[in-house]
């Protein structure tokens, strides 16, 4: 497939999005029509020898997103029409390349449309590049996915913006958007004296912008890790603070199993005793 054919395929997809699929209410039927248009394109590019053609496809995608007055629904449908929900290894590599380009260009609208793949595709190879401090403002959904998957650790400069991102996202994303199962252990075990990060996490929980923690093993494993750390009394107080806010906002179920582990591990801590009554 040459450059002209690639461009023509993309233009055909755009035409179908703007015209033929507008009156189709069945999402499965619409998805099939659009995926049929792009399946040949992806199969033709399914080779390491097609590196230049893949880069050209990324360029065409970015060109589409640079259109004036582009609405979010059309943008999202465009990306989902090119890339299937379940990516194979080579497709994931292509999406990873597109993510890298979008990050370097600070292209917020494109990144937000790629958020689905960050959250749901384990084969994505997140680029080892510094992420902008403005990511939460530029692309709130993508930034939420980066935090949820722990990809802020891919480059040492990116994790410096974590507290700032969380503070910003509270005002920009809906409830139950951010998953905290990566960032909470990170804050306790790797950034134990970063109080700004701790306060930012508390604010996310208080505002209910995070997903509810239903897996108590996550908290129990964190408890045991904190218990093994020297001079852990301040960390225990912080954890009790966090759990108090989570329980009050129904962001973590207050089960008897969890109370039992808390009391067994930290029975002398006043805050732990208070929340376990």
C-alpha atoms as a PDB file:
ATOM      1  CA  UNK A   1       0.000   0.000   0.000  1.00  0.00           C
ATOM      2  CA  UNK A   2       1.551   3.313  -1.079  1.00  0.00           C
ATOM      3  CA  UNK A   3       1.066   6.796   0.379  1.00  0.00           C
ATOM      4  CA  UNK A   4      -1.750   7.657  -2.010  1.00  0.00           C
ATOM      5  CA  UNK A   5      -3.706   4.544  -1.025  1.00  0.00           C
ATOM      6  CA  UNK A   6      -3.204   5.260   2.669  1.00  0.00           C
ATOM      7  CA  UNK A   7      -4.515   8.812   2.278  1.00  0.00           C
ATOM      8  CA  UNK A   8      -7.460   7.607   0.196  1.00  0.00           C
ATOM      9  CA  UNK A   9      -8.395   5.049   2.847  1.00  0.00           C
ATOM     10  CA  UNK A  10      -8.354   7.714   5.554  1.00  0.00           C
ATOM     11  CA  UNK A  11     -10.431  10.055   3.407  1.00  0.00           C
ATOM     12  CA  UNK A  12     -12.946   7.257   2.778  1.00  0.00           C
ATOM     13  CA  UNK A  13     -13.250   6.669   6.515  1.00  0.00           C
ATOM     14  CA  UNK A  14     -13.864  10.372   7.103  1.00  0.00           C
ATOM     15  CA  UNK A  15     -16.573  10.456   4.429  1.00  0.00           C
ATOM     16  CA  UNK A  16     -18.325   7.466   5.999  1.00  0.00           C
ATOM     17  CA  UNK A  17     -18.133   9.079   9.411  1.00  0.00           C
ATOM     18  CA  UNK A  18     -19.526  12.379   8.216  1.00  0.00           C
ATOM     19  CA  UNK A  19     -22.228  10.982   5.952  1.00  0.00           C
ATOM     20  CA  UNK A  20     -23.092   7.310   5.716  1.00  0.00           C
ATOM     21  CA  UNK A  21     -23.004   6.426   9.428  1.00  0.00           C
ATOM     22  CA  UNK A  22     -24.827   9.469  10.747  1.00  0.00           C
ATOM     23  CA  UNK A  23     -28.242   7.779  10.669  1.00  0.00           C
ATOM     24  CA  UNK A  24     -27.085   4.381  11.891  1.00  0.00           C
ATOM     25  CA  UNK A  25     -28.278   3.947  15.488  1.00  0.00           C
ATOM     26  CA  UNK A  26     -26.941   0.427  16.023  1.00  0.00           C
ATOM     27  CA  UNK A  27     -23.418   0.911  17.398  1.00  0.00           C
ATOM     28  CA  UNK A  28     -22.342  -2.636  16.445  1.00  0.00           C
ATOM     29  CA  UNK A  29     -23.458  -2.118  12.848  1.00  0.00           C
ATOM     30  CA  UNK A  30     -21.706   1.247  12.709  1.00  0.00           C
ATOM     31  CA  UNK A  31     -18.534  -0.237  14.201  1.00  0.00           C
ATOM     32  CA  UNK A  32     -18.508  -3.062  11.636  1.00  0.00           C
ATOM     33  CA  UNK A  33     -18.940  -0.665   8.719  1.00  0.00           C
ATOM     34  CA  UNK A  34     -16.077   1.504   9.904  1.00  0.00           C
ATOM     35  CA  UNK A  35     -13.750  -1.368  10.818  1.00  0.00           C
ATOM     36  CA  UNK A  36     -14.226  -2.910   7.375  1.00  0.00           C
ATOM     37  CA  UNK A  37     -12.834   0.297   5.897  1.00  0.00           C
ATOM     38  CA  UNK A  38      -9.669   0.182   7.991  1.00  0.00           C
ATOM     39  CA  UNK A  39      -8.951  -3.557   8.317  1.00  0.00           C
ATOM     40  CA  UNK A  40      -7.202  -3.694   4.953  1.00  0.00           C
ATOM     41  CA  UNK A  41      -5.144  -0.637   5.851  1.00  0.00           C
ATOM     42  CA  UNK A  42      -3.872  -2.136   9.111  1.00  0.00           C
ATOM     43  CA  UNK A  43      -3.216  -5.536   7.547  1.00  0.00           C
ATOM     44  CA  UNK A  44      -1.163  -3.915   4.784  1.00  0.00           C
ATOM     45  CA  UNK A  45       0.900  -2.048   7.392  1.00  0.00           C
ATOM     46  CA  UNK A  46       1.376  -5.146   9.558  1.00  0.00           C
ATOM     47  CA  UNK A  47       5.099  -5.400   8.887  1.00  0.00           C
ATOM     48  CA  UNK A  48       8.313  -3.970  10.330  1.00  0.00           C
ATOM     49  CA  UNK A  49       9.283  -2.996   6.790  1.00  0.00           C
ATOM     50  CA  UNK A  50       6.390  -0.500   6.690  1.00  0.00           C
ATOM     51  CA  UNK A  51       7.855   1.930   9.235  1.00  0.00           C
ATOM     52  CA  UNK A  52       7.671   4.970   6.930  1.00  0.00           C
ATOM     53  CA  UNK A  53       4.103   4.157   5.899  1.00  0.00           C
ATOM     54  CA  UNK A  54       3.093   3.822   9.556  1.00  0.00           C
ATOM     55  CA  UNK A  55       4.605   7.218  10.297  1.00  0.00           C
ATOM     56  CA  UNK A  56       2.670   8.650   7.353  1.00  0.00           C
ATOM     57  CA  UNK A  57      -0.558   7.201   8.763  1.00  0.00           C
ATOM     58  CA  UNK A  58       0.198   8.885  12.093  1.00  0.00           C
ATOM     59  CA  UNK A  59       0.756  12.146  10.225  1.00  0.00           C
ATOM     60  CA  UNK A  60      -2.642  11.815   8.507  1.00  0.00           C
ATOM     61  CA  UNK A  61      -4.348  11.140  11.837  1.00  0.00           C
ATOM     62  CA  UNK A  62      -2.767  14.248  13.356  1.00  0.00           C
ATOM     63  CA  UNK A  63      -3.748  16.209  10.247  1.00  0.00           C
ATOM     64  CA  UNK A  64      -7.376  15.159  10.808  1.00  0.00           C
ATOM     65  CA  UNK A  65      -7.242  16.270  14.449  1.00  0.00           C
ATOM     66  CA  UNK A  66      -5.920  19.679  13.401  1.00  0.00           C
ATOM     67  CA  UNK A  67      -9.191  20.443  11.617  1.00  0.00           C
ATOM     68  CA  UNK A  68     -10.990  23.515  12.979  1.00  0.00           C
ATOM     69  CA  UNK A  69     -14.228  23.001  14.934  1.00  0.00           C
ATOM     70  CA  UNK A  70     -13.754  19.239  15.203  1.00  0.00           C
ATOM     71  CA  UNK A  71     -16.280  17.786  17.656  1.00  0.00           C
ATOM     72  CA  UNK A  72     -15.412  15.133  20.231  1.00  0.00           C
ATOM     73  CA  UNK A  73     -17.842  12.516  18.925  1.00  0.00           C
ATOM     74  CA  UNK A  74     -16.409  12.626  15.406  1.00  0.00           C
ATOM     75  CA  UNK A  75     -12.860  12.562  16.787  1.00  0.00           C
ATOM     76  CA  UNK A  76     -13.565   9.520  18.931  1.00  0.00           C
ATOM     77  CA  UNK A  77     -15.368   7.669  16.123  1.00  0.00           C
ATOM     78  CA  UNK A  78     -12.453   8.406  13.789  1.00  0.00           C
ATOM     79  CA  UNK A  79      -9.877   6.793  16.078  1.00  0.00           C
ATOM     80  CA  UNK A  80     -12.106   3.819  16.886  1.00  0.00           C
ATOM     81  CA  UNK A  81     -12.763   3.298  13.187  1.00  0.00           C
ATOM     82  CA  UNK A  82      -9.040   2.908  12.504  1.00  0.00           C
ATOM     83  CA  UNK A  83      -7.981   0.913  15.559  1.00  0.00           C
ATOM     84  CA  UNK A  84     -10.088  -1.975  16.927  1.00  0.00           C
ATOM     85  CA  UNK A  85     -10.949  -2.233  20.612  1.00  0.00           C
ATOM     86  CA  UNK A  86      -8.712  -5.283  20.966  1.00  0.00           C
ATOM     87  CA  UNK A  87      -5.250  -4.560  19.578  1.00  0.00           C
ATOM     88  CA  UNK A  88      -2.792  -7.193  18.443  1.00  0.00           C
ATOM     89  CA  UNK A  89       0.905  -6.689  19.143  1.00  0.00           C
ATOM     90  CA  UNK A  90       1.692  -4.758  15.954  1.00  0.00           C
ATOM     91  CA  UNK A  91      -1.424  -2.596  16.218  1.00  0.00           C
ATOM     92  CA  UNK A  92      -0.494  -1.781  19.809  1.00  0.00           C
ATOM     93  CA  UNK A  93       2.982  -0.756  18.632  1.00  0.00           C
ATOM     94  CA  UNK A  94       1.403   1.589  16.072  1.00  0.00           C
ATOM     95  CA  UNK A  95      -0.883   3.144  18.694  1.00  0.00           C
ATOM     96  CA  UNK A  96       2.153   3.500  20.981  1.00  0.00           C
ATOM     97  CA  UNK A  97       3.947   5.398  18.214  1.00  0.00           C
ATOM     98  CA  UNK A  98       0.929   7.664  17.778  1.00  0.00           C
ATOM     99  CA  UNK A  99       0.824   8.314  21.537  1.00  0.00           C
ATOM    100  CA  UNK A 100       4.507   9.274  21.500  1.00  0.00           C
ATOM    101  CA  UNK A 101       3.946  11.760  18.670  1.00  0.00           C
ATOM    102  CA  UNK A 102       0.869  13.231  20.357  1.00  0.00           C
ATOM    103  CA  UNK A 103       2.748  13.669  23.646  1.00  0.00           C
ATOM    104  CA  UNK A 104       5.623  15.424  21.908  1.00  0.00           C
ATOM    105  CA  UNK A 105       3.151  17.708  20.118  1.00  0.00           C
ATOM    106  CA  UNK A 106       1.116  18.313  23.303  1.00  0.00           C
ATOM    107  CA  UNK A 107      -1.930  17.322  21.252  1.00  0.00           C
ATOM    108  CA  UNK A 108      -4.603  17.105  23.951  1.00  0.00           C
ATOM    109  CA  UNK A 109      -7.669  16.216  21.817  1.00  0.00           C
ATOM    110  CA  UNK A 110      -5.854  13.312  20.137  1.00  0.00           C
ATOM    111  CA  UNK A 111      -4.513  12.031  23.455  1.00  0.00           C
ATOM    112  CA  UNK A 112      -7.989  12.059  24.985  1.00  0.00           C
ATOM    113  CA  UNK A 113      -9.233   9.900  22.106  1.00  0.00           C
ATOM    114  CA  UNK A 114      -6.415   7.424  22.778  1.00  0.00           C
ATOM    115  CA  UNK A 115      -7.306   7.161  26.471  1.00  0.00           C
ATOM    116  CA  UNK A 116      -9.339   3.978  25.867  1.00  0.00           C
ATOM    117  CA  UNK A 117      -6.268   2.098  24.619  1.00  0.00           C
ATOM    118  CA  UNK A 118      -4.105   3.262  27.530  1.00  0.00           C
ATOM    119  CA  UNK A 119      -6.658   1.925  30.010  1.00  0.00           C
ATOM    120  CA  UNK A 120      -7.564  -1.316  28.264  1.00  0.00           C
ATOM    121  CA  UNK A 121      -4.578  -2.560  26.260  1.00  0.00           C
ATOM    122  CA  UNK A 122      -1.700  -4.118  28.192  1.00  0.00           C
ATOM    123  CA  UNK A 123       0.361  -4.380  24.994  1.00  0.00           C
ATOM    124  CA  UNK A 124       0.743  -0.589  24.734  1.00  0.00           C
ATOM    125  CA  UNK A 125       4.399   0.399  25.096  1.00  0.00           C
ATOM    126  CA  UNK A 126       4.212   3.750  26.821  1.00  0.00           C
ATOM    127  CA  UNK A 127       7.004   6.023  25.548  1.00  0.00           C
ATOM    128  CA  UNK A 128       9.981   6.711  27.781  1.00  0.00           C
ATOM    129  CA  UNK A 129       9.772  10.488  27.356  1.00  0.00           C
ATOM    130  CA  UNK A 130       9.094  13.313  29.834  1.00  0.00           C
ATOM    131  CA  UNK A 131       5.415  14.240  30.022  1.00  0.00           C
ATOM    132  CA  UNK A 132       4.367  17.874  30.128  1.00  0.00           C
ATOM    133  CA  UNK A 133       3.249  19.393  33.423  1.00  0.00           C
ATOM    134  CA  UNK A 134       0.189  20.682  31.543  1.00  0.00           C
ATOM    135  CA  UNK A 135      -1.046  17.193  30.578  1.00  0.00           C
ATOM    136  CA  UNK A 136      -3.965  17.308  33.029  1.00  0.00           C
ATOM    137  CA  UNK A 137      -5.186  20.558  31.474  1.00  0.00           C
ATOM    138  CA  UNK A 138      -4.423  19.593  27.876  1.00  0.00           C
ATOM    139  CA  UNK A 139      -5.878  16.098  28.067  1.00  0.00           C
ATOM    140  CA  UNK A 140      -7.711  15.291  31.322  1.00  0.00           C
ATOM    141  CA  UNK A 141      -8.963  11.827  30.341  1.00  0.00           C
ATOM    142  CA  UNK A 142      -5.599  10.690  29.001  1.00  0.00           C
ATOM    143  CA  UNK A 143      -3.850  12.050  32.098  1.00  0.00           C
ATOM    144  CA  UNK A 144      -6.293  10.121  34.297  1.00  0.00           C
ATOM    145  CA  UNK A 145      -5.446   6.947  32.375  1.00  0.00           C
ATOM    146  CA  UNK A 146      -1.695   7.596  32.732  1.00  0.00           C
ATOM    147  CA  UNK A 147      -2.117   7.899  36.505  1.00  0.00           C
ATOM    148  CA  UNK A 148      -4.415   4.870  36.674  1.00  0.00           C
ATOM    149  CA  UNK A 149      -1.890   2.672  34.851  1.00  0.00           C
ATOM    150  CA  UNK A 150       1.164   4.082  36.647  1.00  0.00           C
ATOM    151  CA  UNK A 151       2.803   5.307  33.429  1.00  0.00           C
ATOM    152  CA  UNK A 152       4.102   8.421  35.199  1.00  0.00           C
ATOM    153  CA  UNK A 153       6.968   6.158  36.265  1.00  0.00           C
ATOM    154  CA  UNK A 154       8.184   5.594  32.699  1.00  0.00           C
ATOM    155  CA  UNK A 155      10.337   8.734  32.870  1.00  0.00           C
ATOM    156  CA  UNK A 156      11.775  10.241  36.086  1.00  0.00           C
ATOM    157  CA  UNK A 157      10.749  13.776  35.113  1.00  0.00           C
ATOM    158  CA  UNK A 158       7.083  12.823  34.684  1.00  0.00           C
ATOM    159  CA  UNK A 159       6.432  11.749  38.272  1.00  0.00           C
ATOM    160  CA  UNK A 160       7.353  15.254  39.479  1.00  0.00           C
ATOM    161  CA  UNK A 161       4.045  16.518  38.084  1.00  0.00           C
ATOM    162  CA  UNK A 162       1.871  13.904  39.783  1.00  0.00           C
ATOM    163  CA  UNK A 163       0.513  16.077  42.608  1.00  0.00           C
ATOM    164  CA  UNK A 164      -0.158  18.953  40.216  1.00  0.00           C
ATOM    165  CA  UNK A 165      -2.006  16.644  37.800  1.00  0.00           C
ATOM    166  CA  UNK A 166      -4.217  15.249  40.564  1.00  0.00           C
ATOM    167  CA  UNK A 167      -5.082  18.720  41.873  1.00  0.00           C
ATOM    168  CA  UNK A 168      -6.028  19.837  38.368  1.00  0.00           C
ATOM    169  CA  UNK A 169      -8.048  16.734  37.456  1.00  0.00           C
ATOM    170  CA  UNK A 170     -10.443  17.188  40.374  1.00  0.00           C
ATOM    171  CA  UNK A 171     -12.045  20.073  38.463  1.00  0.00           C
ATOM    172  CA  UNK A 172     -11.886  18.493  34.999  1.00  0.00           C
ATOM    173  CA  UNK A 173     -12.966  14.841  35.106  1.00  0.00           C
ATOM    174  CA  UNK A 174     -16.222  13.135  36.154  1.00  0.00           C
ATOM    175  CA  UNK A 175     -16.598  11.048  39.301  1.00  0.00           C
ATOM    176  CA  UNK A 176     -15.081   7.537  39.338  1.00  0.00           C
ATOM    177  CA  UNK A 177     -12.520   8.351  36.630  1.00  0.00           C
ATOM    178  CA  UNK A 178      -9.106   7.926  38.277  1.00  0.00           C
ATOM    179  CA  UNK A 179      -7.909   4.571  39.576  1.00  0.00           C
ATOM    180  CA  UNK A 180      -5.660   5.036  42.625  1.00  0.00           C
ATOM    181  CA  UNK A 181      -4.359   1.485  43.109  1.00  0.00           C
ATOM    182  CA  UNK A 182      -1.001   2.435  41.561  1.00  0.00           C
ATOM    183  CA  UNK A 183      -0.492   5.925  42.936  1.00  0.00           C
ATOM    184  CA  UNK A 184      -1.423   5.242  46.583  1.00  0.00           C
ATOM    185  CA  UNK A 185       1.306   2.584  47.152  1.00  0.00           C
ATOM    186  CA  UNK A 186       3.711   4.791  45.178  1.00  0.00           C
ATOM    187  CA  UNK A 187       3.014   7.740  47.476  1.00  0.00           C
ATOM    188  CA  UNK A 188       3.519   5.718  50.669  1.00  0.00           C
ATOM    189  CA  UNK A 189       6.417   3.483  49.689  1.00  0.00           C
ATOM    190  CA  UNK A 190       8.416   5.638  47.273  1.00  0.00           C
ATOM    191  CA  UNK A 191       7.411   9.210  48.160  1.00  0.00           C
ATOM    192  CA  UNK A 192       6.740   8.900  51.916  1.00  0.00           C
ATOM    193  CA  UNK A 193       7.548  12.551  52.707  1.00  0.00           C
ATOM    194  CA  UNK A 194       5.765  14.083  49.710  1.00  0.00           C
ATOM    195  CA  UNK A 195       2.888  15.679  51.601  1.00  0.00           C
ATOM    196  CA  UNK A 196       1.668  17.600  48.558  1.00  0.00           C
ATOM    197  CA  UNK A 197       1.067  14.303  46.774  1.00  0.00           C
ATOM    198  CA  UNK A 198      -0.670  12.897  49.850  1.00  0.00           C
ATOM    199  CA  UNK A 199      -3.012  15.908  50.081  1.00  0.00           C
ATOM    200  CA  UNK A 200      -3.733  15.733  46.346  1.00  0.00           C
ATOM    201  CA  UNK A 201      -4.756  12.064  46.685  1.00  0.00           C
ATOM    202  CA  UNK A 202      -6.985  12.908  49.659  1.00  0.00           C
ATOM    203  CA  UNK A 203      -8.691  15.599  47.592  1.00  0.00           C
ATOM    204  CA  UNK A 204      -9.320  13.146  44.739  1.00  0.00           C
ATOM    205  CA  UNK A 205     -10.930  10.714  47.194  1.00  0.00           C
ATOM    206  CA  UNK A 206     -12.969  13.445  48.902  1.00  0.00           C
ATOM    207  CA  UNK A 207     -14.281  14.709  45.558  1.00  0.00           C
ATOM    208  CA  UNK A 208     -15.084  11.115  44.479  1.00  0.00           C
ATOM    209  CA  UNK A 209     -13.090  11.489  41.268  1.00  0.00           C
ATOM    210  CA  UNK A 210     -11.496   8.088  41.879  1.00  0.00           C
ATOM    211  CA  UNK A 211     -12.862   4.605  41.355  1.00  0.00           C
ATOM    212  CA  UNK A 212     -14.113   2.868  44.469  1.00  0.00           C
ATOM    213  CA  UNK A 213     -11.563   0.475  45.995  1.00  0.00           C
ATOM    214  CA  UNK A 214     -13.358  -2.853  46.284  1.00  0.00           C
ATOM    215  CA  UNK A 215     -10.305  -5.127  46.515  1.00  0.00           C
ATOM    216  CA  UNK A 216      -9.251  -5.174  50.155  1.00  0.00           C
ATOM    217  CA  UNK A 217      -6.116  -7.170  49.340  1.00  0.00           C
ATOM    218  CA  UNK A 218      -4.721  -3.982  47.798  1.00  0.00           C
ATOM    219  CA  UNK A 219      -5.089  -2.144  51.129  1.00  0.00           C
ATOM    220  CA  UNK A 220      -3.992  -5.127  53.209  1.00  0.00           C
ATOM    221  CA  UNK A 221      -0.805  -5.582  51.159  1.00  0.00           C
ATOM    222  CA  UNK A 222      -0.086  -1.864  51.567  1.00  0.00           C
ATOM    223  CA  UNK A 223      -0.607  -2.188  55.333  1.00  0.00           C
ATOM    224  CA  UNK A 224       1.938  -4.987  55.561  1.00  0.00           C
ATOM    225  CA  UNK A 225       4.435  -3.008  53.460  1.00  0.00           C
ATOM    226  CA  UNK A 226       4.056   0.029  55.731  1.00  0.00           C
ATOM    227  CA  UNK A 227       4.362  -2.185  58.800  1.00  0.00           C
ATOM    228  CA  UNK A 228       7.766  -3.383  57.562  1.00  0.00           C
ATOM    229  CA  UNK A 229       9.102   0.169  57.174  1.00  0.00           C
ATOM    230  CA  UNK A 230      11.151   1.781  59.971  1.00  0.00           C
ATOM    231  CA  UNK A 231       9.617   4.772  61.801  1.00  0.00           C
ATOM    232  CA  UNK A 232       6.278   4.102  60.188  1.00  0.00           C
ATOM    233  CA  UNK A 233       4.005   5.884  62.695  1.00  0.00           C
ATOM    234  CA  UNK A 234       3.524   8.956  60.471  1.00  0.00           C
ATOM    235  CA  UNK A 235       2.709   6.752  57.492  1.00  0.00           C
ATOM    236  CA  UNK A 236       0.167   4.846  59.575  1.00  0.00           C
ATOM    237  CA  UNK A 237      -1.474   8.144  60.568  1.00  0.00           C
ATOM    238  CA  UNK A 238      -1.609   9.176  56.912  1.00  0.00           C
ATOM    239  CA  UNK A 239      -3.154   5.859  55.917  1.00  0.00           C
ATOM    240  CA  UNK A 240      -5.756   6.203  58.668  1.00  0.00           C
ATOM    241  CA  UNK A 241      -6.512   9.701  57.364  1.00  0.00           C
ATOM    242  CA  UNK A 242      -6.944   8.366  53.852  1.00  0.00           C
ATOM    243  CA  UNK A 243      -9.186   5.489  54.950  1.00  0.00           C
ATOM    244  CA  UNK A 244     -11.342   7.818  57.067  1.00  0.00           C
ATOM    245  CA  UNK A 245     -12.037  10.016  54.042  1.00  0.00           C
ATOM    246  CA  UNK A 246     -12.554   6.975  51.792  1.00  0.00           C
ATOM    247  CA  UNK A 247     -15.060   5.400  54.201  1.00  0.00           C
ATOM    248  CA  UNK A 248     -16.933   8.692  54.660  1.00  0.00           C
ATOM    249  CA  UNK A 249     -17.293   9.149  50.895  1.00  0.00           C
ATOM    250  CA  UNK A 250     -18.087   5.489  50.147  1.00  0.00           C
ATOM    251  CA  UNK A 251     -14.879   5.119  48.160  1.00  0.00           C
ATOM    252  CA  UNK A 252     -13.854   2.012  50.110  1.00  0.00           C
ATOM    253  CA  UNK A 253     -16.111  -0.487  51.852  1.00  0.00           C
ATOM    254  CA  UNK A 254     -15.536  -0.696  55.597  1.00  0.00           C
ATOM    255  CA  UNK A 255     -15.504  -4.480  55.972  1.00  0.00           C
ATOM    256  CA  UNK A 256     -14.901  -6.522  59.102  1.00  0.00           C
ATOM    257  CA  UNK A 257     -11.950  -8.242  57.399  1.00  0.00           C
ATOM    258  CA  UNK A 258     -10.225  -4.925  56.784  1.00  0.00           C
ATOM    259  CA  UNK A 259     -10.952  -3.716  60.330  1.00  0.00           C
ATOM    260  CA  UNK A 260      -9.502  -6.928  61.733  1.00  0.00           C
ATOM    261  CA  UNK A 261      -6.239  -6.539  59.808  1.00  0.00           C
ATOM    262  CA  UNK A 262      -5.980  -2.876  60.805  1.00  0.00           C
ATOM    263  CA  UNK A 263      -6.479  -3.643  64.490  1.00  0.00           C
ATOM    264  CA  UNK A 264      -4.113  -6.600  64.432  1.00  0.00           C
ATOM    265  CA  UNK A 265      -1.341  -4.584  62.794  1.00  0.00           C
ATOM    266  CA  UNK A 266      -1.781  -1.179  64.450  1.00  0.00           C
ATOM    267  CA  UNK A 267      -3.854  -1.677  67.602  1.00  0.00           C
ATOM    268  CA  UNK A 268      -1.977   1.078  69.473  1.00  0.00           C
ATOM    269  CA  UNK A 269      -2.690   3.747  66.865  1.00  0.00           C
ATOM    270  CA  UNK A 270      -5.443   6.103  68.052  1.00  0.00           C
ATOM    271  CA  UNK A 271      -6.670   6.950  64.535  1.00  0.00           C
ATOM    272  CA  UNK A 272      -6.825   3.291  63.510  1.00  0.00           C
ATOM    273  CA  UNK A 273      -8.809   2.485  66.659  1.00  0.00           C
ATOM    274  CA  UNK A 274     -11.228   5.309  65.879  1.00  0.00           C
ATOM    275  CA  UNK A 275     -12.049   4.189  62.337  1.00  0.00           C
ATOM    276  CA  UNK A 276     -12.379   0.528  63.349  1.00  0.00           C
ATOM    277  CA  UNK A 277     -15.050   1.089  66.001  1.00  0.00           C
END
